[in-house]
Protein backbone atom coordinates (compact mmCIF):
# COMPACT_ATOMS: atom_id res chain seq x y z
CA UNK A 1 67.61 94.09 82.05
CA UNK A 2 67.54 93.29 78.38
CA UNK A 3 64.49 94.63 76.59
CA UNK A 4 64.47 92.95 73.24
CA UNK A 5 62.87 90.00 71.57
CA UNK A 6 65.99 88.15 70.61
CA UNK A 7 68.06 86.07 72.96
CA UNK A 8 71.19 84.27 71.95
CA UNK A 9 70.92 80.55 71.93
CA UNK A 10 74.07 80.17 73.97
CA UNK A 11 74.13 83.10 76.29
CA UNK A 12 73.74 81.06 79.42
CA UNK A 13 76.20 79.65 81.93
CA UNK A 14 77.78 76.23 81.91
CA UNK A 15 75.32 74.00 83.63
CA UNK A 16 72.45 76.13 82.36
CA UNK A 17 70.80 75.04 79.16
CA UNK A 18 70.53 77.63 76.46
CA UNK A 19 67.17 79.08 75.51
CA UNK A 20 65.61 76.68 73.12
CA UNK A 21 64.94 78.72 70.02
CA UNK A 22 68.03 79.43 68.03
CA UNK A 23 67.09 82.83 66.69
CA UNK A 24 64.00 84.59 67.94
CA UNK A 25 63.62 84.51 71.67
CA UNK A 26 62.52 86.96 74.24
CA UNK A 27 65.04 88.15 76.74
CA UNK A 28 63.76 88.48 80.28
CA UNK A 29 66.41 87.00 82.52
CA UNK A 30 69.98 88.31 82.73
CA UNK A 31 72.19 86.94 80.01
CA UNK A 32 74.98 85.18 81.84
CA UNK A 33 77.76 82.89 80.89
CA UNK A 34 80.46 81.19 82.90
CA UNK A 35 83.20 78.69 82.31
CA UNK A 36 83.11 77.06 85.71
CA UNK A 37 82.03 73.44 85.23
CA UNK A 38 80.55 71.21 87.89
CA UNK A 39 83.17 69.70 90.18
CA UNK A 40 83.09 66.31 88.53
CA UNK A 41 84.07 67.85 85.19
CA UNK A 42 86.69 70.30 86.41
CA UNK A 43 89.48 68.21 85.00
CA UNK A 44 88.06 68.45 81.51
CA UNK A 45 87.24 72.14 81.58
CA UNK A 46 89.38 72.83 78.53
CA UNK A 47 87.58 70.14 76.53
CA UNK A 48 84.17 71.36 77.67
CA UNK A 49 85.09 74.93 76.78
CA UNK A 50 86.22 73.86 73.32
CA UNK A 51 82.99 71.96 72.72
CA UNK A 52 80.93 74.93 73.87
CA UNK A 53 82.95 77.43 71.86
CA UNK A 54 82.55 75.47 68.64
CA UNK A 55 78.89 74.77 69.36
CA UNK A 56 78.26 78.41 70.18
CA UNK A 57 79.85 79.60 66.95
CA UNK A 58 77.93 77.14 64.77
CA UNK A 59 74.68 77.78 66.64
CA UNK A 60 74.99 81.55 66.25
CA UNK A 61 75.82 81.11 62.59
CA UNK A 62 72.88 78.81 61.83
CA UNK A 63 70.58 80.95 63.98
CA UNK A 64 71.51 84.01 61.94
CA UNK A 65 71.05 82.10 58.68
CA UNK A 66 67.63 81.04 59.92
CA UNK A 67 66.68 84.68 60.46
CA UNK A 68 67.89 85.60 56.98
CA UNK A 69 65.85 82.76 55.46
CA UNK A 70 62.72 83.82 57.33
CA UNK A 71 63.17 87.39 56.13
CA UNK A 72 63.76 86.25 52.55
CA UNK A 73 60.65 84.07 52.65
CA UNK A 74 58.26 86.43 54.43
CA UNK A 75 59.65 89.92 53.87
CA UNK A 76 60.27 92.37 56.70
CA UNK A 77 56.77 93.65 57.36
CA UNK A 78 53.25 92.36 58.05
CA UNK A 79 53.51 88.56 57.69
CA UNK A 80 56.94 88.43 59.36
CA UNK A 81 55.60 90.74 62.10
CA UNK A 82 52.73 88.32 62.67
CA UNK A 83 55.13 85.36 62.81
CA UNK A 84 57.42 87.19 65.27
CA UNK A 85 54.46 88.12 67.46
CA UNK A 86 53.06 84.59 67.41
CA UNK A 87 56.48 83.18 68.33
CA UNK A 88 56.85 85.76 71.08
CA UNK A 89 53.78 84.47 72.93
CA UNK A 90 54.98 80.92 73.77
CA UNK A 91 58.47 82.15 74.56
CA UNK A 92 56.98 84.75 76.89
CA UNK A 93 54.96 82.11 78.72
CA UNK A 94 57.95 79.75 78.92
CA UNK A 95 60.29 82.44 80.20
CA UNK A 96 57.73 83.55 82.77
CA UNK A 97 57.21 80.00 84.02
CA UNK A 98 60.71 78.57 83.89
CA UNK A 99 63.39 80.61 82.13
CA UNK A 100 64.72 82.80 84.91
CA UNK A 101 64.00 80.25 87.63
CA UNK A 102 65.99 77.65 85.70
CA UNK A 103 68.98 79.99 85.48
CA UNK A 104 69.18 81.05 89.11
CA UNK A 105 67.61 78.18 91.07
CA UNK A 106 67.10 74.85 89.33
CA UNK A 107 70.65 74.26 88.08
CA UNK A 108 72.38 75.22 91.37
CA UNK A 109 69.98 72.95 93.28
CA UNK A 110 70.59 70.06 90.86
CA UNK A 111 74.33 70.51 91.27
CA UNK A 112 74.03 70.53 95.08
CA UNK A 113 71.83 67.42 95.13
CA UNK A 114 74.22 65.74 92.72
CA UNK A 115 76.93 66.19 95.34
CA UNK A 116 75.10 65.33 98.55
CA UNK A 117 72.46 62.70 97.64
CA UNK A 118 73.46 59.05 97.86
CA UNK A 119 72.02 58.37 94.38
CA UNK A 120 73.77 61.37 92.83
CA UNK A 121 70.57 63.40 92.73
CA UNK A 122 68.80 60.95 90.41
CA UNK A 123 65.54 60.74 92.38
CA UNK A 124 65.48 64.50 92.94
CA UNK A 125 65.92 65.18 89.22
CA UNK A 126 63.18 62.67 88.40
CA UNK A 127 60.75 64.42 90.76
CA UNK A 128 61.68 67.81 89.31
CA UNK A 129 61.21 66.63 85.73
CA UNK A 130 57.85 65.04 86.61
CA UNK A 131 56.58 68.24 88.22
CA UNK A 132 57.89 70.41 85.39
CA UNK A 133 56.37 68.24 82.65
CA UNK A 134 52.96 68.36 84.39
CA UNK A 135 53.20 72.12 84.93
CA UNK A 136 54.27 72.74 81.33
CA UNK A 137 51.44 70.53 80.07
CA UNK A 138 48.86 72.48 82.08
CA UNK A 139 50.37 75.78 80.92
CA UNK A 140 50.16 74.63 77.30
CA UNK A 141 46.48 73.65 77.59
CA UNK A 142 45.61 76.99 79.21
CA UNK A 143 47.60 78.92 76.62
CA UNK A 144 45.89 77.12 73.73
CA UNK A 145 42.49 77.90 75.24
CA UNK A 146 43.48 81.55 75.65
CA UNK A 147 45.16 81.94 72.24
CA UNK A 148 42.60 84.46 70.86
CA UNK A 149 42.83 86.50 74.06
CA UNK A 150 46.64 86.48 73.97
CA UNK A 151 46.54 87.58 70.35
CA UNK A 152 44.27 90.52 71.16
CA UNK A 153 46.65 91.56 73.94
CA UNK A 154 49.79 91.46 71.83
CA UNK A 155 48.56 92.21 68.31
CA UNK A 156 45.64 94.58 68.75
CA UNK A 157 45.33 97.51 66.42
CA UNK A 158 46.54 96.01 63.12
CA UNK A 159 43.33 94.68 61.64
CA UNK A 160 41.34 91.48 61.69
CA UNK A 161 43.41 89.69 59.04
CA UNK A 162 46.63 90.36 60.98
CA UNK A 163 45.17 89.23 64.30
CA UNK A 164 43.66 86.18 62.63
CA UNK A 165 47.05 85.18 61.22
CA UNK A 166 48.72 85.62 64.61
CA UNK A 167 46.05 83.44 66.23
CA UNK A 168 46.37 80.67 63.62
CA UNK A 169 50.15 80.67 63.94
CA UNK A 170 49.85 80.67 67.74
CA UNK A 171 47.93 77.41 67.74
CA UNK A 172 50.91 75.82 65.95
CA UNK A 173 53.60 77.60 67.94
CA UNK A 174 52.22 77.46 71.49
CA UNK A 175 53.39 73.83 71.98
CA UNK A 176 56.86 75.37 71.99
CA UNK A 177 56.12 76.09 75.66
CA UNK A 178 56.18 72.38 76.46
CA UNK A 179 59.12 71.35 74.28
CA UNK A 180 61.27 74.37 75.24
CA UNK A 181 60.76 73.54 78.91
CA UNK A 182 61.51 69.87 78.36
CA UNK A 183 64.67 70.67 76.40
CA UNK A 184 65.86 73.13 79.02
CA UNK A 185 65.36 70.74 81.92
CA UNK A 186 66.95 67.77 80.14
CA UNK A 187 69.91 69.98 79.18
CA UNK A 188 70.25 71.05 82.82
CA UNK A 189 70.37 67.41 83.94
CA UNK A 190 72.99 66.65 81.30
CA UNK A 191 75.15 69.65 82.15
CA UNK A 192 75.15 68.87 85.86
CA UNK A 193 76.40 65.38 84.94
CA UNK A 194 79.26 66.74 82.88
CA UNK A 195 77.72 66.29 79.42
CA UNK A 196 77.89 69.51 77.38
CA UNK A 197 77.94 68.41 73.76
CA UNK A 198 74.27 67.55 73.18
CA UNK A 199 72.83 70.72 74.79
CA UNK A 200 75.18 72.84 72.68
CA UNK A 201 74.56 71.07 69.36
CA UNK A 202 70.86 70.20 69.38
CA UNK A 203 69.77 73.86 68.96
CA UNK A 204 71.61 73.68 65.65
CA UNK A 205 69.21 70.89 64.59
CA UNK A 206 66.37 73.25 65.46
CA UNK A 207 67.83 75.95 63.24
CA UNK A 208 68.47 73.56 60.36
CA UNK A 209 64.88 72.26 60.42
CA UNK A 210 63.48 75.80 60.24
CA UNK A 211 65.96 76.77 57.52
CA UNK A 212 64.73 73.75 55.52
CA UNK A 213 61.11 74.76 56.14
CA UNK A 214 61.83 78.28 54.86
CA UNK A 215 63.61 76.89 51.78
CA UNK A 216 60.61 74.64 51.08
CA UNK A 217 58.27 77.64 51.58
CA UNK A 218 60.22 79.64 49.00
CA UNK A 219 60.35 76.68 46.59
CA UNK A 220 56.57 76.13 46.78
CA UNK A 221 55.18 79.66 47.18
CA UNK A 222 58.01 81.85 45.95
CA UNK A 223 59.84 84.67 47.73
CA UNK A 224 57.22 87.37 47.39
CA UNK A 225 55.28 89.59 49.73
CA UNK A 226 51.70 88.65 50.57
CA UNK A 227 49.20 90.24 52.90
CA UNK A 228 48.19 88.47 56.13
CA UNK A 229 44.78 87.73 54.61
CA UNK A 230 46.47 85.91 51.72
CA UNK A 231 48.26 83.41 53.95
CA UNK A 232 46.65 80.11 52.95
CA UNK A 233 46.36 77.15 55.35
CA UNK A 234 49.26 75.48 53.52
CA UNK A 235 51.53 78.47 54.02
CA UNK A 236 50.59 78.72 57.69
CA UNK A 237 51.05 75.00 58.29
CA UNK A 238 54.47 74.96 56.63
CA UNK A 239 55.67 78.06 58.49
CA UNK A 240 54.26 77.26 61.93
CA UNK A 241 54.62 73.51 61.65
CA UNK A 242 58.24 73.78 60.53
CA UNK A 243 59.05 75.99 63.51
CA UNK A 244 57.35 73.58 65.92
CA UNK A 245 59.09 70.59 64.32
CA UNK A 246 62.43 72.29 64.93
CA UNK A 247 61.96 72.47 68.70
CA UNK A 248 60.54 68.93 68.78
CA UNK A 249 63.64 67.62 67.00
CA UNK A 250 65.81 69.53 69.44
CA UNK A 251 64.02 68.06 72.47
CA UNK A 252 64.06 64.51 71.11
CA UNK A 253 67.72 64.87 70.17
CA UNK A 254 68.63 65.36 73.83
CA UNK A 255 66.99 62.18 75.13
CA UNK A 256 69.64 59.63 74.03
CA UNK A 257 72.25 61.62 75.93
CA UNK A 258 70.33 61.04 79.19
CA UNK A 259 70.96 57.30 78.94
CA UNK A 260 74.59 57.98 78.08
CA UNK A 261 75.13 59.80 81.41
CA UNK A 262 73.31 57.09 83.34
CA UNK A 263 70.07 58.99 84.01
CA UNK A 264 66.85 57.01 83.80
CA UNK A 265 63.46 58.65 83.38
CA UNK A 266 60.94 57.66 86.00
CA UNK A 267 57.70 59.34 87.03
CA UNK A 268 57.84 60.43 90.70
CA UNK A 269 54.95 62.25 92.32
CA UNK A 270 56.33 62.69 95.86
CA UNK A 271 56.83 66.39 95.28
CA UNK A 272 57.25 67.25 98.97
CA UNK A 273 60.75 65.80 98.77
CA UNK A 274 61.65 68.57 96.31
CA UNK A 275 61.64 71.20 99.04
CA UNK A 276 59.27 73.46 97.13
CA UNK A 277 59.40 76.13 99.82
CA UNK A 278 63.16 76.42 99.41
CA UNK A 279 62.84 76.54 95.62
CA UNK A 280 60.21 79.25 95.94
CA UNK A 281 62.36 81.28 98.30
CA UNK A 282 65.44 81.04 96.09
CA UNK A 283 63.51 81.83 92.93
CA UNK A 284 61.34 84.61 94.28
CA UNK A 285 63.59 87.50 93.32
CA UNK A 286 64.37 86.02 89.93
CA UNK A 287 60.65 85.62 89.33
CA UNK A 288 60.27 89.30 90.21
CA UNK A 289 63.04 90.14 87.74
CA UNK A 290 61.39 88.15 84.95
CA UNK A 291 57.90 89.47 85.78
CA UNK A 292 59.02 93.11 85.56
CA UNK A 293 60.83 92.49 82.27
CA UNK A 294 57.74 90.68 80.98
CA UNK A 295 55.65 93.80 81.56
CA UNK A 296 58.16 95.83 79.59
CA UNK A 297 58.10 93.31 76.75
CA UNK A 298 54.30 93.29 76.61
CA UNK A 299 54.37 97.07 76.20
CA UNK A 300 57.12 96.80 73.59
CA UNK A 301 55.37 94.23 71.39
CA UNK A 302 52.10 96.14 71.62
CA UNK A 303 53.72 99.39 70.52
CA UNK A 304 55.62 97.70 67.70
CA UNK A 305 52.35 96.24 66.44
CA UNK A 306 50.92 99.73 65.98
CA UNK A 307 53.13 100.50 62.99
CA UNK A 308 51.91 101.37 59.52
CA UNK A 309 52.06 98.87 56.70
CA UNK A 310 55.56 99.74 55.43
CA UNK A 311 57.16 100.77 58.74
CA UNK A 312 59.62 98.80 60.84
CA UNK A 313 57.73 96.61 63.31
CA UNK A 314 58.41 93.52 65.44
CA UNK A 315 60.29 91.59 62.73
CA UNK A 316 62.74 94.37 61.83
CA UNK A 317 63.23 95.30 65.47
CA UNK A 318 63.95 91.66 66.26
CA UNK A 319 66.42 91.27 63.39
CA UNK A 320 68.37 94.33 64.54
CA UNK A 321 68.32 93.14 68.14
CA UNK A 322 69.81 89.91 66.80
CA UNK A 323 72.79 91.85 65.40
CA UNK A 324 73.22 93.64 68.72
CA UNK A 325 73.14 90.35 70.61
CA UNK A 326 75.57 88.67 68.23
CA UNK A 327 78.17 91.35 68.90
CA UNK A 328 77.53 91.14 72.63
CA UNK A 329 77.55 87.34 72.65
CA UNK A 330 80.68 86.82 70.57
CA UNK A 331 82.79 89.66 72.02
CA UNK A 332 81.49 90.84 75.38
CA UNK A 333 80.39 87.48 76.75
CA UNK A 334 83.81 86.02 75.92
CA UNK A 335 85.49 88.71 77.99
CA UNK A 336 82.98 88.41 80.82
CA UNK A 337 83.36 84.63 80.79
CA UNK A 338 87.09 84.93 81.42
CA UNK A 339 86.75 87.30 84.38
CA UNK A 340 83.47 86.28 86.03
CA UNK A 341 84.89 83.22 87.83
CA UNK A 342 87.61 85.43 89.34
CA UNK A 343 85.02 87.90 90.61
CA UNK A 344 82.97 85.08 92.09
CA UNK A 345 86.00 83.58 93.83
CA UNK A 346 87.08 86.98 95.19
CA UNK A 347 83.58 87.63 96.53
CA UNK A 348 83.45 84.21 98.19
CA UNK A 349 86.80 84.89 99.92
CA UNK A 350 85.83 88.40 101.01
CA UNK A 351 88.51 89.95 98.78
CA UNK A 352 86.28 92.81 97.66
CA UNK A 353 89.21 94.96 96.53
CA UNK A 354 90.23 92.25 94.06
CA UNK A 355 86.63 91.87 92.97
CA UNK A 356 86.32 95.62 92.35
CA UNK A 357 89.54 95.54 90.33
CA UNK A 358 88.27 92.69 88.16
CA UNK A 359 84.93 94.47 87.72
CA UNK A 360 86.62 97.68 86.60
CA UNK A 361 88.90 95.75 84.24
CA UNK A 362 85.93 93.93 82.71
CA UNK A 363 83.94 97.14 82.14
CA UNK A 364 86.92 98.87 80.54
CA UNK A 365 87.81 95.92 78.31
CA UNK A 366 84.23 95.37 77.14
CA UNK A 367 83.89 99.07 76.30
CA UNK A 368 87.19 99.27 74.43
CA UNK A 369 86.61 96.12 72.36
CA UNK A 370 82.96 96.79 71.48
CA UNK A 371 83.50 100.42 70.45
CA UNK A 372 84.66 99.75 66.85
CA UNK A 373 81.72 97.37 66.32
CA UNK A 374 79.32 100.07 67.50
CA UNK A 375 80.97 102.51 65.06
CA UNK A 376 80.56 100.00 62.21
CA UNK A 377 76.89 99.52 63.06
CA UNK A 378 76.32 103.29 63.05
CA UNK A 379 78.39 104.33 60.01
CA UNK A 380 77.63 101.26 57.88
CA UNK A 381 74.02 100.73 58.94
CA UNK A 382 72.66 101.00 55.41
CA UNK A 383 75.17 98.76 53.61
CA UNK A 384 74.96 96.20 56.45
CA UNK A 385 71.16 96.13 56.11
CA UNK A 386 71.44 95.71 52.32
CA UNK A 387 74.12 93.03 52.55
CA UNK A 388 72.33 90.92 55.16
CA UNK A 389 68.61 91.34 54.59
CA UNK A 390 67.96 92.56 51.04
CA UNK A 391 66.91 89.17 49.63
CA UNK A 392 63.77 87.44 48.39
CA UNK A 393 60.56 88.94 49.70
CA UNK A 394 62.59 91.49 51.70
CA UNK A 395 64.10 93.17 48.63
CA UNK A 396 63.90 96.93 49.04
CA UNK A 397 63.30 96.82 52.81
CA UNK A 398 66.84 97.78 53.88
CA UNK A 399 65.82 101.43 54.11
CA UNK A 400 63.51 100.57 57.00
CA UNK A 401 66.14 98.44 58.76
CA UNK A 402 69.16 100.76 58.70
CA UNK A 403 67.77 103.54 61.00
CA UNK A 404 66.99 100.94 63.67
CA UNK A 405 70.53 99.54 63.41
CA UNK A 406 71.94 103.06 63.70
CA UNK A 407 70.18 103.57 67.04
CA UNK A 408 71.09 100.05 68.17
CA UNK A 409 74.75 101.01 67.80
CA UNK A 410 74.24 103.49 70.66
CA UNK A 411 72.76 100.74 72.85
CA UNK A 412 75.49 98.11 72.38
CA UNK A 413 78.06 99.28 74.94
CA UNK A 414 75.54 100.40 77.62
CA UNK A 415 73.87 97.00 77.33
CA UNK A 416 77.13 95.11 77.80
CA UNK A 417 78.24 97.29 80.73
CA UNK A 418 74.89 96.95 82.50
CA UNK A 419 75.21 93.17 82.14
CA UNK A 420 78.67 93.24 83.73
CA UNK A 421 77.30 95.03 86.80
CA UNK A 422 74.44 92.53 87.04
CA UNK A 423 77.01 89.72 87.05
CA UNK A 424 78.87 91.44 89.85
CA UNK A 425 75.76 91.31 92.06
CA UNK A 426 75.27 87.66 91.16
CA UNK A 427 78.90 86.97 92.12
CA UNK A 428 78.31 88.31 95.66
CA UNK A 429 75.79 86.34 95.40
CA UNK A 430 72.75 88.63 95.37
CA UNK A 431 69.66 88.19 93.18
CA UNK A 432 67.57 90.63 95.22
CA UNK A 433 69.32 93.85 94.23
CA UNK A 434 69.28 93.25 90.44
CA UNK A 435 65.54 92.54 90.70
CA UNK A 436 64.95 95.79 92.59
CA UNK A 437 67.15 97.79 90.21
CA UNK A 438 65.24 96.33 87.29
CA UNK A 439 61.96 97.92 88.43
CA UNK A 440 62.90 101.60 87.85
CA UNK A 441 64.98 100.62 84.80
CA UNK A 442 62.04 98.95 83.05
CA UNK A 443 59.69 101.75 84.08
CA UNK A 444 62.10 104.26 82.52
CA UNK A 445 62.29 102.16 79.37
CA UNK A 446 58.51 101.99 79.12
CA UNK A 447 58.21 105.75 79.72
CA UNK A 448 60.67 106.60 76.94
CA UNK A 449 59.08 104.16 74.51
CA UNK A 450 55.55 105.42 75.20
CA UNK A 451 56.71 109.03 74.79
CA UNK A 452 58.25 108.11 71.43
CA UNK A 453 54.98 106.49 70.39
CA UNK A 454 52.97 109.56 71.40
CA UNK A 455 55.30 112.22 70.03
CA UNK A 456 56.56 110.74 66.76
CA UNK A 457 55.31 109.02 63.64
CA UNK A 458 55.01 105.24 63.64
CA UNK A 459 57.58 105.21 60.83
CA UNK A 460 60.30 105.73 63.48
CA UNK A 461 58.69 103.58 66.15
CA UNK A 462 61.20 100.69 66.05
CA UNK A 463 64.09 103.15 66.26
CA UNK A 464 62.39 104.83 69.20
CA UNK A 465 61.96 101.50 70.98
CA UNK A 466 65.69 100.85 70.56
CA UNK A 467 66.43 104.33 71.91
CA UNK A 468 64.34 103.51 74.97
CA UNK A 469 66.49 100.42 75.44
CA UNK A 470 69.69 102.47 75.24
CA UNK A 471 68.48 104.97 77.85
CA UNK A 472 67.44 102.19 80.22
CA UNK A 473 70.78 100.38 79.84
CA UNK A 474 72.65 103.55 80.79
CA UNK A 475 70.39 103.99 83.80
CA UNK A 476 70.89 100.34 84.82
CA UNK A 477 74.68 100.70 84.68
CA UNK A 478 74.68 103.95 86.70
CA UNK A 479 72.31 102.69 89.39
CA UNK A 480 74.17 99.39 89.68
CA UNK A 481 77.55 101.13 90.02
CA UNK A 482 76.14 103.45 92.68
CA UNK A 483 74.72 100.57 94.71
CA UNK A 484 77.74 98.31 94.29
CA UNK A 485 80.24 100.77 95.76
CA UNK A 486 79.02 100.45 99.38
CA UNK A 487 79.17 96.66 99.02
CA UNK A 488 82.66 96.19 97.57
CA UNK A 489 84.35 99.57 97.93
CA UNK A 490 85.72 101.87 95.19
CA UNK A 491 85.11 100.33 91.79
CA UNK A 492 87.79 102.19 89.86
CA UNK A 493 85.58 104.95 88.50
CA UNK A 494 88.52 107.18 87.62
CA UNK A 495 90.16 104.41 85.58
CA UNK A 496 86.85 103.71 83.85
CA UNK A 497 86.34 107.37 82.91
CA UNK A 498 89.92 107.62 81.70
CA UNK A 499 89.40 104.64 79.39
CA UNK A 500 85.98 105.89 78.28
CA UNK A 501 87.49 109.25 77.26
CA UNK A 502 90.25 107.68 75.18
CA UNK A 503 87.86 105.20 73.60
CA UNK A 504 85.51 108.03 72.61
CA UNK A 505 88.35 109.91 70.90
CA UNK A 506 89.46 106.78 69.03
CA UNK A 507 85.85 105.98 68.07
CA UNK A 508 85.24 109.50 66.76
CA UNK A 509 88.37 109.29 64.61
CA UNK A 510 87.26 105.91 63.25
CA UNK A 511 83.78 107.32 62.57
CA UNK A 512 85.18 110.17 60.47
CA UNK A 513 87.37 107.80 58.46
CA UNK A 514 84.46 105.41 57.94
CA UNK A 515 82.19 108.21 56.73
CA UNK A 516 84.92 109.42 54.36
CA UNK A 517 85.34 105.94 52.84
CA UNK A 518 81.58 105.59 52.30
CA UNK A 519 81.41 109.12 50.79
CA UNK A 520 84.26 108.41 48.35
CA UNK A 521 82.68 105.22 47.00
CA UNK A 522 80.33 105.79 44.02
CA UNK A 523 76.58 105.33 44.19
CA UNK A 524 74.37 104.28 47.09
CA UNK A 525 74.38 100.91 48.78
CA UNK A 526 70.58 100.97 49.04
CA UNK A 527 70.46 100.66 45.24
CA UNK A 528 73.22 98.10 44.74
CA UNK A 529 73.83 95.08 46.95
CA UNK A 530 77.38 94.58 45.62
CA UNK A 531 78.21 98.15 46.52
CA UNK A 532 76.82 97.35 49.96
CA UNK A 533 79.26 94.44 50.30
CA UNK A 534 82.09 96.70 49.17
CA UNK A 535 81.18 99.43 51.64
CA UNK A 536 80.97 96.94 54.50
CA UNK A 537 84.36 95.44 53.59
CA UNK A 538 86.24 98.65 52.94
CA UNK A 539 84.46 100.76 55.53
CA UNK A 540 84.75 98.07 58.20
CA UNK A 541 88.46 97.61 57.50
CA UNK A 542 89.11 101.36 57.60
CA UNK A 543 87.12 101.78 60.82
CA UNK A 544 88.84 98.85 62.53
CA UNK A 545 92.35 99.89 61.47
CA UNK A 546 91.82 103.53 62.41
CA UNK A 547 90.34 102.67 65.78
CA UNK A 548 93.14 100.22 66.54
CA UNK A 549 95.83 102.73 65.55
CA UNK A 550 94.31 105.57 67.57
CA UNK A 551 93.67 103.33 70.58
CA UNK A 552 97.31 102.21 70.62
CA UNK A 553 98.48 105.80 70.09
CA UNK A 554 96.27 106.96 72.99
CA UNK A 555 97.55 104.07 75.09
CA UNK A 556 94.22 102.40 75.70
CA UNK A 557 95.64 99.64 77.87
CA UNK A 558 92.81 97.21 77.22
CA UNK A 559 93.40 97.27 73.45
CA UNK A 560 97.15 96.95 74.00
CA UNK A 561 96.49 93.88 76.16
CA UNK A 562 94.32 92.29 73.47
CA UNK A 563 96.93 92.99 70.77
CA UNK A 564 99.65 91.56 73.00
CA UNK A 565 97.64 88.40 73.63
CA UNK A 566 97.08 87.90 69.88
CA UNK A 567 100.79 88.40 69.20
CA UNK A 568 101.74 85.85 71.84
CA UNK A 569 99.30 83.32 70.40
CA UNK A 570 100.60 83.87 66.87
CA UNK A 571 104.14 83.59 68.16
CA UNK A 572 103.39 80.16 69.52
């Protein structure tokens, strides 16, 4: 039920390959993560977790650096909007064809065949890879033929030069469909055979290639703003070709690991042995989920492409969504990862009371831990925007970024909580209900975003799109909680509300202190990057310390538990 362009490169479960673009990816399937390895790797779960944790941290870091380099090279407006839109198209097609199905169907089936087939699922995986490569190849050819049509769908309304740039970039970026699919499937085969290192580290190669391409772009053409019509063939080739080369390097980097785990590539065309009817049945509801989200994303990218020349559009929206997803991925996903296996086990054993307790505990902990980050995003939106994005061709654009980040702060906790409830349905296991819930949620999101577009100036359009996200996340959480209760019993609503109330009080106190610190510092961060760094450091410290103190004073148990865990670790 996401609703943004960005998707973390590692926000997927063990055994599920991460999305294959380290920084700018659409988000259509639920973002899930688990620490339960395949049976054959259970004994090395700690080692696998360590590899994934380190890989995740480095991947997120290089992915963020990649975004900063793109912004410095292209600025935050028209050319970067065109690049973001052109990159959106292949990722949209890939996600529609394979992304959600891979998450919910392909990996579980590969794991099952690995267990029951005499050859360890080798022949089955070979058939699946053969079919997928053919399907991805056909999809790529069709997408290339339809590139001008796709551009008119997603980028209409911003002039011929803009649409022309999107189309030219699309021809270079559309092959991402093929290489993303290949990378994802190879990573799935590796994960189900207990190999986690390559799928976690090769996205970093992708990021590094694109970072190098951006550095070369700046070295050759300079970090200055140009209009879409001024993008020469050399600029376009370096930008689009560098991005494509990144995903190619990532895909090729996975292939040696296949031989290491004993898998041999062989073309197999006996597709009946795949059990396509079963795959279709299992993936039907996930396909519905992805299809509905895809409609919402088409509306979103179209609306964002209606902005004026100097207003926040797809690129700025995407950069802010990146910050939102980084907080969710580093903090919330870590908490969810620890408790999701327990919920799944309780559901499998019919211990729904235990499952409800774990669900309530997860919601309360995610809310309590994310609250100070949301406050920092809201209070320090301007200095954060200056500190992170005010470089190169993007100098002076922080004023357009900070309002979007301010609204995103309101969406952070509802997003994380709605994800927790989605995981609870998956733990039952149930993919049907999340797909059905997603229909009214996306419709509500579209309604709010269209109303914002109609009622307000395009200068606030990106902020309005983020507000639509926040409203839809709240709705998703409420509907999910309402429909979960008959399935698993009372979900601890009173305990949740009790924690929410205390967290709100602590967050309000931290907000006041943060505002006071920013007010006392001289000057404005928008005019001085070093002042922006200072405001982020001092304001963030004051907000964090105040929130922690008030939360402990108010006896927010979840914060006390986190503090106790840290003390125990330090004591060791």
